[in-house]
Amino acid sequence: MPKKIAFVMKLKPGFEDEYKRRHDALWPEMARELKAAGISDYSIFLDPETLLLFAVQTRSDTSSADDLPRKAVVQRWWAYMKDIMDTNPDNSPVSRDLIEVFHLD
């Protein structure tokens, strides 16, 4: 059964438009890698007051999303985004998983 995953990240001040611009032009190879990993219905929302980015995605039963950090295109995307987001030393976004406390179909 597919599983919804949610997490938060943090945007640096002044980069709201740039973040959207970069995602509007998401590299086709990045989109293919996410889909190949079993990720679908992926949305990211911005809280403009806190600059928190709230992400939610659906992962298939056979998702290989845990392998994504080792993919070259993902590492290139992280390097591309590091100047506008809070990142870890490996350029991955600083993120926190969220716990689902309510769901309504």
PDB file of N, CA and C in Angstrom:
ATOM      1  N   MET A   1       0.838  -1.186   0.000  1.00  0.00           N
ATOM      2  CA  MET A   1       0.000   0.000   0.000  1.00  0.00           C
ATOM      3  C   MET A   1       0.880   1.245   0.000  1.00  0.00           C
ATOM      4  N   PRO A   2       0.636   2.192  -0.898  1.00  0.00           N
ATOM      5  CA  PRO A   2       1.431   3.425  -0.925  1.00  0.00           C
ATOM      6  C   PRO A   2       1.411   4.138   0.422  1.00  0.00           C
ATOM      7  N   LYS A   3       2.485   4.855   0.685  1.00  0.00           N
ATOM      8  CA  LYS A   3       2.655   5.528   1.970  1.00  0.00           C
ATOM      9  C   LYS A   3       2.960   7.002   1.722  1.00  0.00           C
ATOM     10  N   LYS A   4       2.294   7.891   2.478  1.00  0.00           N
ATOM     11  CA  LYS A   4       2.584   9.329   2.399  1.00  0.00           C
ATOM     12  C   LYS A   4       3.701   9.657   3.388  1.00  0.00           C
ATOM     13  N   ILE A   5       4.628  10.457   2.921  1.00  0.00           N
ATOM     14  CA  ILE A   5       5.762  10.909   3.715  1.00  0.00           C
ATOM     15  C   ILE A   5       5.714  12.439   3.732  1.00  0.00           C
ATOM     16  N   ALA A   6       5.939  13.036   4.887  1.00  0.00           N
ATOM     17  CA  ALA A   6       5.975  14.502   4.980  1.00  0.00           C
ATOM     18  C   ALA A   6       7.224  14.921   5.754  1.00  0.00           C
ATOM     19  N   PHE A   7       7.786  16.046   5.338  1.00  0.00           N
ATOM     20  CA  PHE A   7       8.973  16.562   6.017  1.00  0.00           C
ATOM     21  C   PHE A   7       9.054  18.067   5.804  1.00  0.00           C
ATOM     22  N   VAL A   8       9.863  18.726   6.622  1.00  0.00           N
ATOM     23  CA  VAL A   8      10.068  20.172   6.490  1.00  0.00           C
ATOM     24  C   VAL A   8      11.534  20.457   6.219  1.00  0.00           C
ATOM     25  N   MET A   9      11.750  21.533   5.461  1.00  0.00           N
ATOM     26  CA  MET A   9      13.082  22.049   5.160  1.00  0.00           C
ATOM     27  C   MET A   9      13.020  23.557   5.387  1.00  0.00           C
ATOM     28  N   LYS A  10      14.131  24.242   5.229  1.00  0.00           N
ATOM     29  CA  LYS A  10      14.163  25.680   5.498  1.00  0.00           C
ATOM     30  C   LYS A  10      14.811  26.430   4.341  1.00  0.00           C
ATOM     31  N   LEU A  11      14.109  27.448   3.865  1.00  0.00           N
ATOM     32  CA  LEU A  11      14.595  28.313   2.799  1.00  0.00           C
ATOM     33  C   LEU A  11      15.337  29.494   3.415  1.00  0.00           C
ATOM     34  N   LYS A  12      16.384  29.949   2.754  1.00  0.00           N
ATOM     35  CA  LYS A  12      17.093  31.139   3.216  1.00  0.00           C
ATOM     36  C   LYS A  12      16.283  32.379   2.826  1.00  0.00           C
ATOM     37  N   PRO A  13      16.331  33.440   3.634  1.00  0.00           N
ATOM     38  CA  PRO A  13      15.559  34.656   3.347  1.00  0.00           C
ATOM     39  C   PRO A  13      15.894  35.255   1.984  1.00  0.00           C
ATOM     40  N   GLY A  14      14.844  35.704   1.299  1.00  0.00           N
ATOM     41  CA  GLY A  14      15.012  36.384   0.032  1.00  0.00           C
ATOM     42  C   GLY A  14      15.047  35.473  -1.185  1.00  0.00           C
ATOM     43  N   PHE A  15      14.915  34.171  -0.988  1.00  0.00           N
ATOM     44  CA  PHE A  15      15.029  33.231  -2.104  1.00  0.00           C
ATOM     45  C   PHE A  15      13.713  32.549  -2.467  1.00  0.00           C
ATOM     46  N   GLU A  16      12.608  33.109  -2.025  1.00  0.00           N
ATOM     47  CA  GLU A  16      11.305  32.500  -2.298  1.00  0.00           C
ATOM     48  C   GLU A  16      11.048  32.350  -3.802  1.00  0.00           C
ATOM     49  N   ASP A  17      11.245  33.411  -4.552  1.00  0.00           N
ATOM     50  CA  ASP A  17      10.991  33.371  -5.990  1.00  0.00           C
ATOM     51  C   ASP A  17      11.987  32.456  -6.703  1.00  0.00           C
ATOM     52  N   GLU A  18      13.228  32.500  -6.275  1.00  0.00           N
ATOM     53  CA  GLU A  18      14.251  31.659  -6.905  1.00  0.00           C
ATOM     54  C   GLU A  18      13.980  30.174  -6.659  1.00  0.00           C
ATOM     55  N   TYR A  19      13.540  29.827  -5.453  1.00  0.00           N
ATOM     56  CA  TYR A  19      13.212  28.435  -5.152  1.00  0.00           C
ATOM     57  C   TYR A  19      12.106  27.948  -6.084  1.00  0.00           C
ATOM     58  N   LYS A  20      11.068  28.750  -6.231  1.00  0.00           N
ATOM     59  CA  LYS A  20       9.960  28.374  -7.124  1.00  0.00           C
ATOM     60  C   LYS A  20      10.438  28.286  -8.572  1.00  0.00           C
ATOM     61  N   ARG A  21      11.237  29.244  -9.000  1.00  0.00           N
ATOM     62  CA  ARG A  21      11.747  29.238 -10.377  1.00  0.00           C
ATOM     63  C   ARG A  21      12.530  27.955 -10.669  1.00  0.00           C
ATOM     64  N   ARG A  22      13.392  27.573  -9.741  1.00  0.00           N
ATOM     65  CA  ARG A  22      14.199  26.366  -9.956  1.00  0.00           C
ATOM     66  C   ARG A  22      13.329  25.116 -10.012  1.00  0.00           C
ATOM     67  N   HIS A  23      12.313  25.063  -9.174  1.00  0.00           N
ATOM     68  CA  HIS A  23      11.447  23.879  -9.196  1.00  0.00           C
ATOM     69  C   HIS A  23      10.496  23.884 -10.392  1.00  0.00           C
ATOM     70  N   ASP A  24      10.119  25.051 -10.872  1.00  0.00           N
ATOM     71  CA  ASP A  24       9.304  25.122 -12.084  1.00  0.00           C
ATOM     72  C   ASP A  24      10.085  24.572 -13.286  1.00  0.00           C
ATOM     73  N   ALA A  25      11.405  24.645 -13.195  1.00  0.00           N
ATOM     74  CA  ALA A  25      12.277  24.151 -14.263  1.00  0.00           C
ATOM     75  C   ALA A  25      13.028  22.892 -13.813  1.00  0.00           C
ATOM     76  N   LEU A  26      12.365  22.071 -13.010  1.00  0.00           N
ATOM     77  CA  LEU A  26      12.994  20.846 -12.504  1.00  0.00           C
ATOM     78  C   LEU A  26      13.606  20.062 -13.655  1.00  0.00           C
ATOM     79  N   TRP A  27      14.837  19.643 -13.469  1.00  0.00           N
ATOM     80  CA  TRP A  27      15.524  18.890 -14.513  1.00  0.00           C
ATOM     81  C   TRP A  27      14.751  17.612 -14.829  1.00  0.00           C
ATOM     82  N   PRO A  28      14.553  17.304 -16.082  1.00  0.00           N
ATOM     83  CA  PRO A  28      13.834  16.073 -16.442  1.00  0.00           C
ATOM     84  C   PRO A  28      14.479  14.823 -15.852  1.00  0.00           C
ATOM     85  N   GLU A  29      15.817  14.789 -15.795  1.00  0.00           N
ATOM     86  CA  GLU A  29      16.490  13.617 -15.232  1.00  0.00           C
ATOM     87  C   GLU A  29      16.245  13.483 -13.731  1.00  0.00           C
ATOM     88  N   MET A  30      16.044  14.603 -13.048  1.00  0.00           N
ATOM     89  CA  MET A  30      15.714  14.557 -11.619  1.00  0.00           C
ATOM     90  C   MET A  30      14.299  14.013 -11.442  1.00  0.00           C
ATOM     91  N   ALA A  31      13.359  14.498 -12.243  1.00  0.00           N
ATOM     92  CA  ALA A  31      11.984  13.995 -12.174  1.00  0.00           C
ATOM     93  C   ALA A  31      11.956  12.498 -12.463  1.00  0.00           C
ATOM     94  N   ARG A  32      12.714  12.056 -13.472  1.00  0.00           N
ATOM     95  CA  ARG A  32      12.755  10.626 -13.801  1.00  0.00           C
ATOM     96  C   ARG A  32      13.299   9.801 -12.640  1.00  0.00           C
ATOM     97  N   GLU A  33      14.337  10.305 -11.983  1.00  0.00           N
ATOM     98  CA  GLU A  33      14.943   9.578 -10.855  1.00  0.00           C
ATOM     99  C   GLU A  33      13.964   9.451  -9.694  1.00  0.00           C
ATOM    100  N   LEU A  34      13.237  10.523  -9.395  1.00  0.00           N
ATOM    101  CA  LEU A  34      12.238  10.473  -8.318  1.00  0.00           C
ATOM    102  C   LEU A  34      11.141   9.459  -8.646  1.00  0.00           C
ATOM    103  N   LYS A  35      10.647   9.509  -9.870  1.00  0.00           N
ATOM    104  CA  LYS A  35       9.599   8.572 -10.269  1.00  0.00           C
ATOM    105  C   LYS A  35      10.106   7.140 -10.274  1.00  0.00           C
ATOM    106  N   ALA A  36      11.333   6.934 -10.738  1.00  0.00           N
ATOM    107  CA  ALA A  36      11.920   5.588 -10.755  1.00  0.00           C
ATOM    108  C   ALA A  36      12.081   5.035  -9.343  1.00  0.00           C
ATOM    109  N   ALA A  37      12.235   5.936  -8.369  1.00  0.00           N
ATOM    110  CA  ALA A  37      12.369   5.523  -6.971  1.00  0.00           C
ATOM    111  C   ALA A  37      11.019   5.244  -6.325  1.00  0.00           C
ATOM    112  N   GLY A  38       9.938   5.387  -7.092  1.00  0.00           N
ATOM    113  CA  GLY A  38       8.611   5.089  -6.561  1.00  0.00           C
ATOM    114  C   GLY A  38       7.948   6.261  -5.869  1.00  0.00           C
ATOM    115  N   ILE A  39       8.393   7.486  -6.175  1.00  0.00           N
ATOM    116  CA  ILE A  39       7.807   8.687  -5.583  1.00  0.00           C
ATOM    117  C   ILE A  39       6.810   9.282  -6.572  1.00  0.00           C
ATOM    118  N   SER A  40       5.624   9.600  -6.064  1.00  0.00           N
ATOM    119  CA  SER A  40       4.596  10.242  -6.887  1.00  0.00           C
ATOM    120  C   SER A  40       3.855  11.253  -6.031  1.00  0.00           C
ATOM    121  N   ASP A  41       2.994  12.014  -6.662  1.00  0.00           N
ATOM    122  CA  ASP A  41       2.177  12.994  -5.944  1.00  0.00           C
ATOM    123  C   ASP A  41       3.025  13.770  -4.937  1.00  0.00           C
ATOM    124  N   TYR A  42       4.071  14.421  -5.446  1.00  0.00           N
ATOM    125  CA  TYR A  42       5.059  15.119  -4.621  1.00  0.00           C
ATOM    126  C   TYR A  42       4.774  16.616  -4.694  1.00  0.00           C
ATOM    127  N   SER A  43       4.499  17.230  -3.552  1.00  0.00           N
ATOM    128  CA  SER A  43       4.248  18.673  -3.471  1.00  0.00           C
ATOM    129  C   SER A  43       5.118  19.279  -2.387  1.00  0.00           C
ATOM    130  N   ILE A  44       5.510  20.535  -2.610  1.00  0.00           N
ATOM    131  CA  ILE A  44       6.240  21.308  -1.607  1.00  0.00           C
ATOM    132  C   ILE A  44       5.500  22.628  -1.438  1.00  0.00           C
ATOM    133  N   PHE A  45       5.225  22.981  -0.189  1.00  0.00           N
ATOM    134  CA  PHE A  45       4.526  24.220   0.145  1.00  0.00           C
ATOM    135  C   PHE A  45       5.459  25.116   0.951  1.00  0.00           C
ATOM    136  N   LEU A  46       5.318  26.417   0.787  1.00  0.00           N
ATOM    137  CA  LEU A  46       6.132  27.394   1.506  1.00  0.00           C
ATOM    138  C   LEU A  46       5.280  28.165   2.494  1.00  0.00           C
ATOM    139  N   ASP A  47       5.758  28.267   3.734  1.00  0.00           N
ATOM    140  CA  ASP A  47       5.166  29.183   4.708  1.00  0.00           C
ATOM    141  C   ASP A  47       5.997  30.464   4.625  1.00  0.00           C
ATOM    142  N   PRO A  48       5.478  31.534   4.001  1.00  0.00           N
ATOM    143  CA  PRO A  48       6.283  32.737   3.785  1.00  0.00           C
ATOM    144  C   PRO A  48       6.696  33.454   5.066  1.00  0.00           C
ATOM    145  N   GLU A  49       5.996  33.227   6.157  1.00  0.00           N
ATOM    146  CA  GLU A  49       6.368  33.882   7.418  1.00  0.00           C
ATOM    147  C   GLU A  49       7.592  33.240   8.055  1.00  0.00           C
ATOM    148  N   THR A  50       7.689  31.912   8.001  1.00  0.00           N
ATOM    149  CA  THR A  50       8.796  31.199   8.652  1.00  0.00           C
ATOM    150  C   THR A  50       9.847  30.710   7.672  1.00  0.00           C
ATOM    151  N   LEU A  51       9.525  30.742   6.375  1.00  0.00           N
ATOM    152  CA  LEU A  51      10.355  30.203   5.298  1.00  0.00           C
ATOM    153  C   LEU A  51      10.534  28.687   5.396  1.00  0.00           C
ATOM    154  N   LEU A  52       9.621  28.034   6.138  1.00  0.00           N
ATOM    155  CA  LEU A  52       9.636  26.580   6.183  1.00  0.00           C
ATOM    156  C   LEU A  52       9.003  26.039   4.909  1.00  0.00           C
ATOM    157  N   LEU A  53       9.627  25.020   4.372  1.00  0.00           N
ATOM    158  CA  LEU A  53       9.122  24.305   3.206  1.00  0.00           C
ATOM    159  C   LEU A  53       8.534  22.990   3.708  1.00  0.00           C
ATOM    160  N   PHE A  54       7.257  22.784   3.452  1.00  0.00           N
ATOM    161  CA  PHE A  54       6.561  21.573   3.868  1.00  0.00           C
ATOM    162  C   PHE A  54       6.410  20.687   2.638  1.00  0.00           C
ATOM    163  N   ALA A  55       6.985  19.507   2.683  1.00  0.00           N
ATOM    164  CA  ALA A  55       6.947  18.595   1.544  1.00  0.00           C
ATOM    165  C   ALA A  55       6.139  17.360   1.903  1.00  0.00           C
ATOM    166  N   VAL A  56       5.373  16.894   0.931  1.00  0.00           N
ATOM    167  CA  VAL A  56       4.614  15.652   1.102  1.00  0.00           C
ATOM    168  C   VAL A  56       4.714  14.877  -0.209  1.00  0.00           C
ATOM    169  N   GLN A  57       4.935  13.589  -0.077  1.00  0.00           N
ATOM    170  CA  GLN A  57       5.054  12.743  -1.251  1.00  0.00           C
ATOM    171  C   GLN A  57       4.448  11.379  -0.956  1.00  0.00           C
ATOM    172  N   THR A  58       4.024  10.726  -1.996  1.00  0.00           N
ATOM    173  CA  THR A  58       3.530   9.364  -1.884  1.00  0.00           C
ATOM    174  C   THR A  58       4.615   8.434  -2.407  1.00  0.00           C
ATOM    175  N   ARG A  59       4.897   7.397  -1.624  1.00  0.00           N
ATOM    176  CA  ARG A  59       5.897   6.409  -2.024  1.00  0.00           C
ATOM    177  C   ARG A  59       5.227   5.057  -2.230  1.00  0.00           C
ATOM    178  N   SER A  60       5.618   4.381  -3.278  1.00  0.00           N
ATOM    179  CA  SER A  60       5.067   3.065  -3.578  1.00  0.00           C
ATOM    180  C   SER A  60       5.562   2.038  -2.565  1.00  0.00           C
ATOM    181  N   ASP A  61       4.911   0.882  -2.572  1.00  0.00           N
ATOM    182  CA  ASP A  61       5.327  -0.222  -1.692  1.00  0.00           C
ATOM    183  C   ASP A  61       6.775  -0.625  -1.949  1.00  0.00           C
ATOM    184  N   THR A  62       7.202  -0.482  -3.180  1.00  0.00           N
ATOM    185  CA  THR A  62       8.549  -0.908  -3.563  1.00  0.00           C
ATOM    186  C   THR A  62       9.496   0.282  -3.723  1.00  0.00           C
ATOM    187  N   SER A  63       9.194   1.382  -3.070  1.00  0.00           N
ATOM    188  CA  SER A  63       9.996   2.596  -3.194  1.00  0.00           C
ATOM    189  C   SER A  63      11.456   2.349  -2.832  1.00  0.00           C
ATOM    190  N   SER A  64      12.329   2.944  -3.642  1.00  0.00           N
ATOM    191  CA  SER A  64      13.764   2.906  -3.354  1.00  0.00           C
ATOM    192  C   SER A  64      14.265   4.309  -3.019  1.00  0.00           C
ATOM    193  N   ALA A  65      13.395   5.120  -2.431  1.00  0.00           N
ATOM    194  CA  ALA A  65      13.735   6.509  -2.112  1.00  0.00           C
ATOM    195  C   ALA A  65      14.936   6.618  -1.184  1.00  0.00           C
ATOM    196  N   ASP A  66      15.150   5.630  -0.340  1.00  0.00           N
ATOM    197  CA  ASP A  66      16.304   5.669   0.567  1.00  0.00           C
ATOM    198  C   ASP A  66      17.631   5.613  -0.190  1.00  0.00           C
ATOM    199  N   ASP A  67      17.603   5.166  -1.438  1.00  0.00           N
ATOM    200  CA  ASP A  67      18.819   5.101  -2.259  1.00  0.00           C
ATOM    201  C   ASP A  67      19.105   6.408  -2.996  1.00  0.00           C
ATOM    202  N   LEU A  68      18.154   7.329  -3.016  1.00  0.00           N
ATOM    203  CA  LEU A  68      18.309   8.560  -3.787  1.00  0.00           C
ATOM    204  C   LEU A  68      19.559   9.371  -3.428  1.00  0.00           C
ATOM    205  N   PRO A  69      19.958   9.477  -2.150  1.00  0.00           N
ATOM    206  CA  PRO A  69      21.151  10.282  -1.846  1.00  0.00           C
ATOM    207  C   PRO A  69      22.425   9.808  -2.547  1.00  0.00           C
ATOM    208  N   ARG A  70      22.460   8.575  -3.009  1.00  0.00           N
ATOM    209  CA  ARG A  70      23.635   8.047  -3.703  1.00  0.00           C
ATOM    210  C   ARG A  70      23.590   8.281  -5.209  1.00  0.00           C
ATOM    211  N   LYS A  71      22.501   8.824  -5.712  1.00  0.00           N
ATOM    212  CA  LYS A  71      22.347   9.057  -7.150  1.00  0.00           C
ATOM    213  C   LYS A  71      23.034  10.365  -7.554  1.00  0.00           C
ATOM    214  N   ALA A  72      23.763  10.315  -8.667  1.00  0.00           N
ATOM    215  CA  ALA A  72      24.532  11.480  -9.124  1.00  0.00           C
ATOM    216  C   ALA A  72      23.644  12.693  -9.384  1.00  0.00           C
ATOM    217  N   VAL A  73      22.483  12.505 -10.011  1.00  0.00           N
ATOM    218  CA  VAL A  73      21.620  13.643 -10.322  1.00  0.00           C
ATOM    219  C   VAL A  73      21.087  14.286  -9.042  1.00  0.00           C
ATOM    220  N   VAL A  74      20.826  13.503  -8.028  1.00  0.00           N
ATOM    221  CA  VAL A  74      20.355  14.039  -6.746  1.00  0.00           C
ATOM    222  C   VAL A  74      21.467  14.860  -6.097  1.00  0.00           C
ATOM    223  N   GLN A  75      22.670  14.358  -6.135  1.00  0.00           N
ATOM    224  CA  GLN A  75      23.798  15.099  -5.570  1.00  0.00           C
ATOM    225  C   GLN A  75      24.034  16.411  -6.320  1.00  0.00           C
ATOM    226  N   ARG A  76      23.867  16.385  -7.646  1.00  0.00           N
ATOM    227  CA  ARG A  76      23.995  17.631  -8.425  1.00  0.00           C
ATOM    228  C   ARG A  76      22.885  18.608  -8.076  1.00  0.00           C
ATOM    229  N   TRP A  77      21.640  18.111  -7.872  1.00  0.00           N
ATOM    230  CA  TRP A  77      20.524  18.974  -7.496  1.00  0.00           C
ATOM    231  C   TRP A  77      20.788  19.626  -6.148  1.00  0.00           C
ATOM    232  N   TRP A  78      21.254  18.829  -5.210  1.00  0.00           N
ATOM    233  CA  TRP A  78      21.574  19.382  -3.886  1.00  0.00           C
ATOM    234  C   TRP A  78      22.610  20.495  -3.999  1.00  0.00           C
ATOM    235  N   ALA A  79      23.667  20.284  -4.780  1.00  0.00           N
ATOM    236  CA  ALA A  79      24.704  21.304  -4.958  1.00  0.00           C
ATOM    237  C   ALA A  79      24.109  22.565  -5.587  1.00  0.00           C
ATOM    238  N   TYR A  80      23.173  22.380  -6.511  1.00  0.00           N
ATOM    239  CA  TYR A  80      22.497  23.488  -7.179  1.00  0.00           C
ATOM    240  C   TYR A  80      21.635  24.288  -6.201  1.00  0.00           C
ATOM    241  N   MET A  81      21.047  23.613  -5.221  1.00  0.00           N
ATOM    242  CA  MET A  81      20.121  24.256  -4.285  1.00  0.00           C
ATOM    243  C   MET A  81      20.780  24.766  -3.003  1.00  0.00           C
ATOM    244  N   LYS A  82      22.014  24.400  -2.744  1.00  0.00           N
ATOM    245  CA  LYS A  82      22.631  24.694  -1.443  1.00  0.00           C
ATOM    246  C   LYS A  82      22.740  26.182  -1.121  1.00  0.00           C
ATOM    247  N   ASP A  83      22.781  27.036  -2.130  1.00  0.00           N
ATOM    248  CA  ASP A  83      22.927  28.470  -1.861  1.00  0.00           C
ATOM    249  C   ASP A  83      21.632  29.124  -1.394  1.00  0.00           C
ATOM    250  N   ILE A  84      20.498  28.433  -1.520  1.00  0.00           N
ATOM    251  CA  ILE A  84      19.233  29.061  -1.148  1.00  0.00           C
ATOM    252  C   ILE A  84      18.487  28.331  -0.031  1.00  0.00           C
ATOM    253  N   MET A  85      19.082  27.241   0.489  1.00  0.00           N
ATOM    254  CA  MET A  85      18.432  26.456   1.542  1.00  0.00           C
ATOM    255  C   MET A  85      19.424  26.147   2.654  1.00  0.00           C
ATOM    256  N   ASP A  86      18.900  25.820   3.823  1.00  0.00           N
ATOM    257  CA  ASP A  86      19.746  25.285   4.877  1.00  0.00           C
ATOM    258  C   ASP A  86      20.154  23.874   4.472  1.00  0.00           C
ATOM    259  N   THR A  87      21.461  23.604   4.472  1.00  0.00           N
ATOM    260  CA  THR A  87      21.950  22.311   4.020  1.00  0.00           C
ATOM    261  C   THR A  87      22.943  21.699   5.003  1.00  0.00           C
ATOM    262  N   ASN A  88      23.112  20.409   4.868  1.00  0.00           N
ATOM    263  CA  ASN A  88      24.107  19.644   5.624  1.00  0.00           C
ATOM    264  C   ASN A  88      25.452  19.730   4.901  1.00  0.00           C
ATOM    265  N   PRO A  89      26.538  19.251   5.544  1.00  0.00           N
ATOM    266  CA  PRO A  89      27.852  19.295   4.892  1.00  0.00           C
ATOM    267  C   PRO A  89      27.908  18.588   3.524  1.00  0.00           C
ATOM    268  N   ASP A  90      27.051  17.582   3.293  1.00  0.00           N
ATOM    269  CA  ASP A  90      27.037  16.889   2.000  1.00  0.00           C
ATOM    270  C   ASP A  90      26.107  17.571   0.993  1.00  0.00           C
ATOM    271  N   ASN A  91      25.646  18.779   1.300  1.00  0.00           N
ATOM    272  CA  ASN A  91      24.744  19.599   0.487  1.00  0.00           C
ATOM    273  C   ASN A  91      23.283  19.150   0.543  1.00  0.00           C
ATOM    274  N   SER A  92      22.975  18.043   1.188  1.00  0.00           N
ATOM    275  CA  SER A  92      21.575  17.629   1.315  1.00  0.00           C
ATOM    276  C   SER A  92      20.827  18.655   2.154  1.00  0.00           C
ATOM    277  N   PRO A  93      19.540  18.851   1.865  1.00  0.00           N
ATOM    278  CA  PRO A  93      18.788  19.818   2.666  1.00  0.00           C
ATOM    279  C   PRO A  93      18.641  19.346   4.104  1.00  0.00           C
ATOM    280  N   VAL A  94      18.765  20.272   5.021  1.00  0.00           N
ATOM    281  CA  VAL A  94      18.437  19.959   6.410  1.00  0.00           C
ATOM    282  C   VAL A  94      16.935  19.716   6.429  1.00  0.00           C
ATOM    283  N   SER A  95      16.520  18.556   6.907  1.00  0.00           N
ATOM    284  CA  SER A  95      15.091  18.254   6.922  1.00  0.00           C
ATOM    285  C   SER A  95      14.724  17.482   8.182  1.00  0.00           C
ATOM    286  N   ARG A  96      13.468  17.605   8.533  1.00  0.00           N
ATOM    287  CA  ARG A  96      12.907  16.862   9.663  1.00  0.00           C
ATOM    288  C   ARG A  96      11.663  16.147   9.183  1.00  0.00           C
ATOM    289  N   ASP A  97      11.585  14.850   9.479  1.00  0.00           N
ATOM    290  CA  ASP A  97      10.373  14.102   9.152  1.00  0.00           C
ATOM    291  C   ASP A  97       9.237  14.557  10.050  1.00  0.00           C
ATOM    292  N   LEU A  98       8.046  14.555   9.506  1.00  0.00           N
ATOM    293  CA  LEU A  98       6.855  14.904  10.268  1.00  0.00           C
ATOM    294  C   LEU A  98       6.034  13.651  10.534  1.00  0.00           C
ATOM    295  N   ILE A  99       5.295  13.679  11.620  1.00  0.00           N
ATOM    296  CA  ILE A  99       4.479  12.545  12.034  1.00  0.00           C
ATOM    297  C   ILE A  99       3.020  12.836  11.685  1.00  0.00           C
ATOM    298  N   GLU A 100       2.406  11.905  10.974  1.00  0.00           N
ATOM    299  CA  GLU A 100       1.000  12.071  10.629  1.00  0.00           C
ATOM    300  C   GLU A 100       0.152  11.881  11.884  1.00  0.00           C
ATOM    301  N   VAL A 101      -0.679  12.864  12.190  1.00  0.00           N
ATOM    302  CA  VAL A 101      -1.564  12.771  13.358  1.00  0.00           C
ATOM    303  C   VAL A 101      -3.030  12.739  12.980  1.00  0.00           C
ATOM    304  N   PHE A 102      -3.317  12.962  11.690  1.00  0.00           N
ATOM    305  CA  PHE A 102      -4.694  12.914  11.225  1.00  0.00           C
ATOM    306  C   PHE A 102      -4.690  12.690   9.725  1.00  0.00           C
ATOM    307  N   HIS A 103      -5.683  11.932   9.264  1.00  0.00           N
ATOM    308  CA  HIS A 103      -5.854  11.709   7.825  1.00  0.00           C
ATOM    309  C   HIS A 103      -7.337  11.491   7.534  1.00  0.00           C
ATOM    310  N   LEU A 104      -7.825  12.095   6.474  1.00  0.00           N
ATOM    311  CA  LEU A 104      -9.210  11.915   6.027  1.00  0.00           C
ATOM    312  C   LEU A 104      -9.199  11.660   4.541  1.00  0.00           C
ATOM    313  N   ASP A 105      -9.774  10.559   4.123  1.00  0.00           N
ATOM    314  CA  ASP A 105      -9.908  10.280   2.684  1.00  0.00           C
ATOM    315  C   ASP A 105     -11.183  10.888   2.173  1.00  0.00           C
TER     316      ASP A 105
END
